[in-house]
Amino acid sequence: MRILIIRHADPDYEHDCLTEKGKREAALLSESLRKQNISAVYCSPLGRARQTCAETARKIHADPVVLPWLREFDHPVLVEGKPHLCWDMLPSFLAQHPELYDANAWLASPVMQTGDIRARYTELCEGLDGVLAGHGYVRDGMFYRAARANRSTIAFFCHFGTESMLLSHLCNTSPVPLSHHFVALTSSVTTLYSEERRQGMALFRCCGYGDCSHLLVGKEPPSFSARFCEVFDSDDRHD
């Protein structure tokens, strides 16, 4: 089975919709995705994701399933006494908490205990596993039992923070390196395939992260959204 994780197109966060650029991104994305033989579409309930999804759903004649747990993973923790997104921390803070990089220790880190992260992460992982079980792949420890192995393609339209959490569960790793050392730009597509090298036992392997080739084909510059300044002496955002 193939999984596509798609970040929403360029957002107007204030109004939870797409900018004009985002609408162009979503249109170009839909032209690429309509060739992917997608059999099921799942979407965050937030407007920017649903608006991105709608372009593709219309072209492939799909009826998206809206899943509340696919919304942005915007549950805060306390960093130096102030609420902060758990997938957006400064390197100086991460350096003081190396346990956040540990797949088995990050959830138990003192900083994660200041928020409702364990419950929300568990909700997301259980939601994802429920969907995959419906498509024939049942979570069994760290991997998946291929109860009904197949070559179908399913798509999740969601958000950068959520994507990092989904990948952490699928790849059995902490989400911190995924959210702080990788960036999925708006309307980008991350692709994972199942590998069943021994009958009945599967894992999901990423073969493409944050693909924006549809934007390059359409001569639409990738958005800066989710990025920060490349050098400190810059007018681009620092925080």
Protein backbone atom coordinates (compact mmCIF):
# COMPACT_ATOMS: atom_id res chain seq x y z
CA MET A 1 0.00 0.00 0.00
CA ARG A 2 1.07 3.54 -0.61
CA ILE A 3 0.43 6.45 1.77
CA LEU A 4 0.49 10.10 0.66
CA ILE A 5 0.75 12.74 3.40
CA ILE A 6 -0.03 16.17 1.97
CA ARG A 7 0.41 19.50 3.69
CA HIS A 8 -2.22 22.14 2.95
CA ALA A 9 -1.41 24.83 0.40
CA ASP A 10 -0.20 28.36 1.28
CA PRO A 11 -2.44 29.48 4.18
CA ASP A 12 -4.19 32.55 5.45
CA TYR A 13 -3.98 31.42 9.08
CA GLU A 14 -6.09 34.30 10.40
CA HIS A 15 -9.10 33.20 8.35
CA ASP A 16 -8.19 29.49 8.14
CA CYS A 17 -8.32 29.42 4.36
CA LEU A 18 -5.95 29.59 1.40
CA THR A 19 -4.27 32.66 0.03
CA GLU A 20 -4.49 33.35 -3.70
CA LYS A 21 -1.08 31.71 -3.97
CA GLY A 22 -2.42 28.77 -2.00
CA LYS A 23 -5.28 28.36 -4.47
CA ARG A 24 -2.78 28.20 -7.32
CA GLU A 25 -0.73 25.64 -5.38
CA ALA A 26 -3.81 23.51 -4.70
CA ALA A 27 -4.78 23.56 -8.39
CA LEU A 28 -1.31 22.46 -9.49
CA LEU A 29 -1.26 19.80 -6.77
CA SER A 30 -4.59 18.40 -7.92
CA GLU A 31 -3.31 18.01 -11.47
CA SER A 32 -0.46 15.88 -10.15
CA LEU A 33 -2.54 13.85 -7.70
CA ARG A 34 -5.31 13.01 -10.16
CA LYS A 35 -2.81 10.74 -11.91
CA GLN A 36 -1.97 8.83 -8.71
CA ASN A 37 -4.92 6.38 -8.66
CA ILE A 38 -5.93 7.40 -5.12
CA SER A 39 -8.58 5.12 -3.68
CA ALA A 40 -9.37 6.94 -0.41
CA VAL A 41 -8.99 10.51 0.81
CA TYR A 42 -8.81 11.65 4.44
CA CYS A 43 -8.74 15.27 5.53
CA SER A 44 -8.23 17.53 8.53
CA PRO A 45 -11.35 19.45 9.59
CA LEU A 46 -9.53 22.80 9.30
CA GLY A 47 -10.44 25.07 6.43
CA ARG A 48 -7.02 25.38 4.83
CA ALA A 49 -6.67 21.61 4.56
CA ARG A 50 -10.24 21.06 3.37
CA GLN A 51 -9.87 23.75 0.72
CA THR A 52 -6.64 22.14 -0.51
CA CYS A 53 -8.25 18.70 -0.51
CA ALA A 54 -11.36 19.87 -2.39
CA GLU A 55 -9.46 20.55 -5.61
CA THR A 56 -8.11 17.02 -5.77
CA ALA A 57 -11.30 15.35 -4.52
CA ARG A 58 -13.32 17.01 -7.25
CA LYS A 59 -10.97 15.84 -10.00
CA ILE A 60 -10.76 12.23 -8.82
CA HIS A 61 -14.47 12.08 -7.87
CA ALA A 62 -13.67 11.22 -4.24
CA ASP A 63 -15.71 11.88 -1.11
CA PRO A 64 -13.15 12.93 1.55
CA VAL A 65 -13.49 11.56 5.06
CA VAL A 66 -12.94 14.35 7.60
CA LEU A 67 -11.04 13.09 10.67
CA PRO A 68 -10.81 15.37 13.75
CA TRP A 69 -7.43 13.94 14.82
CA LEU A 70 -5.87 15.09 11.52
CA ARG A 71 -6.21 18.75 12.57
CA GLU A 72 -3.02 20.67 13.29
CA PHE A 73 -1.09 19.29 16.26
CA ASP A 74 -1.33 22.62 18.05
CA HIS A 75 -1.32 21.35 21.64
CA PRO A 76 1.10 23.54 23.64
CA VAL A 77 3.76 22.79 26.22
CA LEU A 78 5.47 25.24 28.56
CA VAL A 79 8.90 26.47 27.49
CA GLU A 80 10.49 28.83 30.00
CA GLY A 81 7.05 29.34 31.52
CA LYS A 82 5.30 30.27 28.26
CA PRO A 83 2.99 28.17 26.02
CA HIS A 84 4.85 26.88 22.98
CA LEU A 85 4.16 24.44 20.16
CA CYS A 86 5.96 21.17 20.81
CA TRP A 87 7.13 20.96 17.19
CA ASP A 88 8.68 24.43 17.08
CA MET A 89 11.48 24.93 19.59
CA LEU A 90 14.76 26.79 19.36
CA PRO A 91 18.02 24.82 19.02
CA SER A 92 19.26 26.35 22.29
CA PHE A 93 16.33 24.73 24.11
CA LEU A 94 16.65 21.39 22.32
CA ALA A 95 20.33 21.26 23.27
CA GLN A 96 19.28 21.27 26.92
CA HIS A 97 16.85 18.40 26.37
CA PRO A 98 18.57 15.70 24.28
CA GLU A 99 15.97 13.17 25.48
CA LEU A 100 13.54 14.78 23.04
CA TYR A 101 15.46 13.08 20.23
CA ASP A 102 15.03 9.63 21.81
CA ALA A 103 12.17 7.56 20.34
CA ASN A 104 11.49 5.95 23.71
CA ALA A 105 12.02 8.96 25.96
CA TRP A 106 10.62 12.05 24.24
CA LEU A 107 7.07 11.66 25.57
CA ALA A 108 8.39 11.26 29.12
CA SER A 109 10.50 14.42 28.90
CA PRO A 110 9.66 17.00 31.59
CA VAL A 111 8.72 19.55 28.95
CA MET A 112 6.18 17.20 27.37
CA GLN A 113 4.63 16.63 30.79
CA THR A 114 3.62 20.31 30.89
CA GLY A 115 1.02 19.71 28.18
CA ASP A 116 -1.51 17.14 27.06
CA ILE A 117 0.93 15.73 24.51
CA ARG A 118 0.83 12.03 25.42
CA ALA A 119 -2.97 11.85 25.19
CA ARG A 120 -3.13 13.80 21.94
CA TYR A 121 -0.28 11.83 20.36
CA THR A 122 -1.94 8.58 21.39
CA GLU A 123 -5.21 9.78 19.86
CA LEU A 124 -3.45 10.56 16.58
CA CYS A 125 -1.58 7.23 16.48
CA GLU A 126 -4.71 5.25 17.27
CA GLY A 127 -6.61 7.18 14.62
CA LEU A 128 -3.96 6.47 12.00
CA ASP A 129 -3.79 2.78 12.94
CA GLY A 130 -7.56 2.55 12.72
CA VAL A 131 -7.52 3.86 9.16
CA LEU A 132 -4.66 1.56 8.15
CA ALA A 133 -6.40 -1.44 9.70
CA GLY A 134 -9.40 -0.64 7.53
CA HIS A 135 -7.10 -0.88 4.54
CA GLY A 136 -5.59 -4.19 5.59
CA TYR A 137 -2.56 -3.22 7.72
CA VAL A 138 -2.92 -3.90 11.44
CA ARG A 139 -0.46 -2.44 13.93
CA ASP A 140 1.48 -5.18 15.70
CA GLY A 141 4.11 -3.78 18.06
CA MET A 142 6.49 -1.60 16.07
CA PHE A 143 5.32 -2.84 12.67
CA TYR A 144 2.17 -3.88 10.81
CA ARG A 145 0.55 -7.21 10.10
CA ALA A 146 -0.43 -7.36 6.44
CA ALA A 147 -3.87 -8.86 6.98
CA ARG A 148 -4.94 -7.87 3.45
CA ALA A 149 -1.82 -6.83 1.57
CA ASN A 150 -2.59 -4.55 -1.36
CA ARG A 151 -1.27 -1.92 -3.76
CA SER A 152 -3.89 0.76 -3.13
CA THR A 153 -3.06 4.44 -2.53
CA ILE A 154 -4.58 6.54 0.25
CA ALA A 155 -4.08 10.25 0.87
CA PHE A 156 -4.07 12.32 4.07
CA PHE A 157 -4.49 16.11 3.74
CA CYS A 158 -3.25 17.72 6.94
CA HIS A 159 -0.61 20.03 8.46
CA PHE A 160 3.14 20.17 9.01
CA GLY A 161 3.05 19.46 12.75
CA THR A 162 0.59 16.62 12.22
CA GLU A 163 2.68 15.19 9.40
CA SER A 164 5.71 15.02 11.69
CA MET A 165 3.67 13.11 14.27
CA LEU A 166 2.28 10.69 11.68
CA LEU A 167 5.75 9.97 10.34
CA SER A 168 7.14 9.47 13.84
CA HIS A 169 4.57 6.73 14.47
CA LEU A 170 5.00 5.07 11.09
CA CYS A 171 8.80 5.15 11.39
CA ASN A 172 9.07 4.44 15.15
CA THR A 173 11.05 7.57 15.93
CA SER A 174 10.75 10.79 17.89
CA PRO A 175 8.92 13.56 16.01
CA VAL A 176 11.57 16.10 17.09
CA PRO A 177 14.13 15.40 14.34
CA LEU A 178 11.28 15.27 11.82
CA SER A 179 9.80 18.62 12.83
CA HIS A 180 13.04 20.50 13.52
CA HIS A 181 15.42 19.15 10.87
CA PHE A 182 12.95 18.58 8.02
CA VAL A 183 10.38 20.94 6.57
CA ALA A 184 7.41 20.05 4.39
CA LEU A 185 6.52 23.18 2.43
CA THR A 186 2.94 24.06 1.60
CA SER A 187 1.14 21.66 -0.79
CA SER A 188 4.09 19.24 -0.59
CA VAL A 189 3.60 15.48 -0.82
CA THR A 190 5.38 12.86 1.29
CA THR A 191 5.14 9.27 0.02
CA LEU A 192 5.52 6.01 1.91
CA TYR A 193 5.24 2.46 0.59
CA SER A 194 4.62 -0.70 2.52
CA GLU A 195 7.38 -3.31 2.37
CA GLU A 196 6.40 -6.93 3.04
CA ARG A 197 9.77 -8.66 2.80
CA ARG A 198 8.48 -11.56 4.87
CA GLN A 199 4.91 -12.69 4.33
CA GLY A 200 2.47 -11.04 6.69
CA MET A 201 4.91 -8.52 8.26
CA ALA A 202 5.13 -5.00 6.83
CA LEU A 203 6.76 -1.69 7.55
CA PHE A 204 6.22 1.66 5.86
CA ARG A 205 9.22 3.25 4.18
CA CYS A 206 9.46 6.86 3.01
CA CYS A 207 10.59 7.17 -0.60
CA GLY A 208 9.88 10.87 -1.03
CA TYR A 209 9.60 13.70 1.49
CA GLY A 210 8.03 17.10 0.87
CA ASP A 211 7.84 16.79 -2.92
CA CYS A 212 6.95 20.11 -4.59
CA SER A 213 7.60 19.10 -8.20
CA HIS A 214 4.05 20.09 -9.15
CA LEU A 215 4.94 23.69 -8.27
CA LEU A 216 8.08 23.61 -10.38
CA VAL A 217 6.12 22.21 -13.33
CA GLY A 218 3.60 25.03 -12.94
CA LYS A 219 6.34 27.65 -12.45
CA GLU A 220 4.90 28.53 -9.03
CA PRO A 221 7.62 29.38 -6.46
CA PRO A 222 7.47 27.27 -3.29
CA SER A 223 6.13 29.14 -0.27
CA PHE A 224 8.36 30.19 2.64
CA SER A 225 5.68 29.08 5.10
CA ALA A 226 7.12 26.80 7.85
CA ARG A 227 10.65 28.02 7.17
CA PHE A 228 12.74 30.49 9.17
CA CYS A 229 15.58 32.84 8.22
CA GLU A 230 18.49 31.19 6.43
CA VAL A 231 20.96 33.58 8.06
CA PHE A 232 20.47 35.68 11.19
CA ASP A 233 21.11 38.96 9.35
CA SER A 234 17.92 38.63 7.35
CA ASP A 235 14.49 40.19 7.10
CA ASP A 236 12.89 36.72 7.00
CA ARG A 237 11.16 35.58 10.16
CA HIS A 238 13.24 34.47 13.15
CA ASP A 239 10.33 33.28 15.34
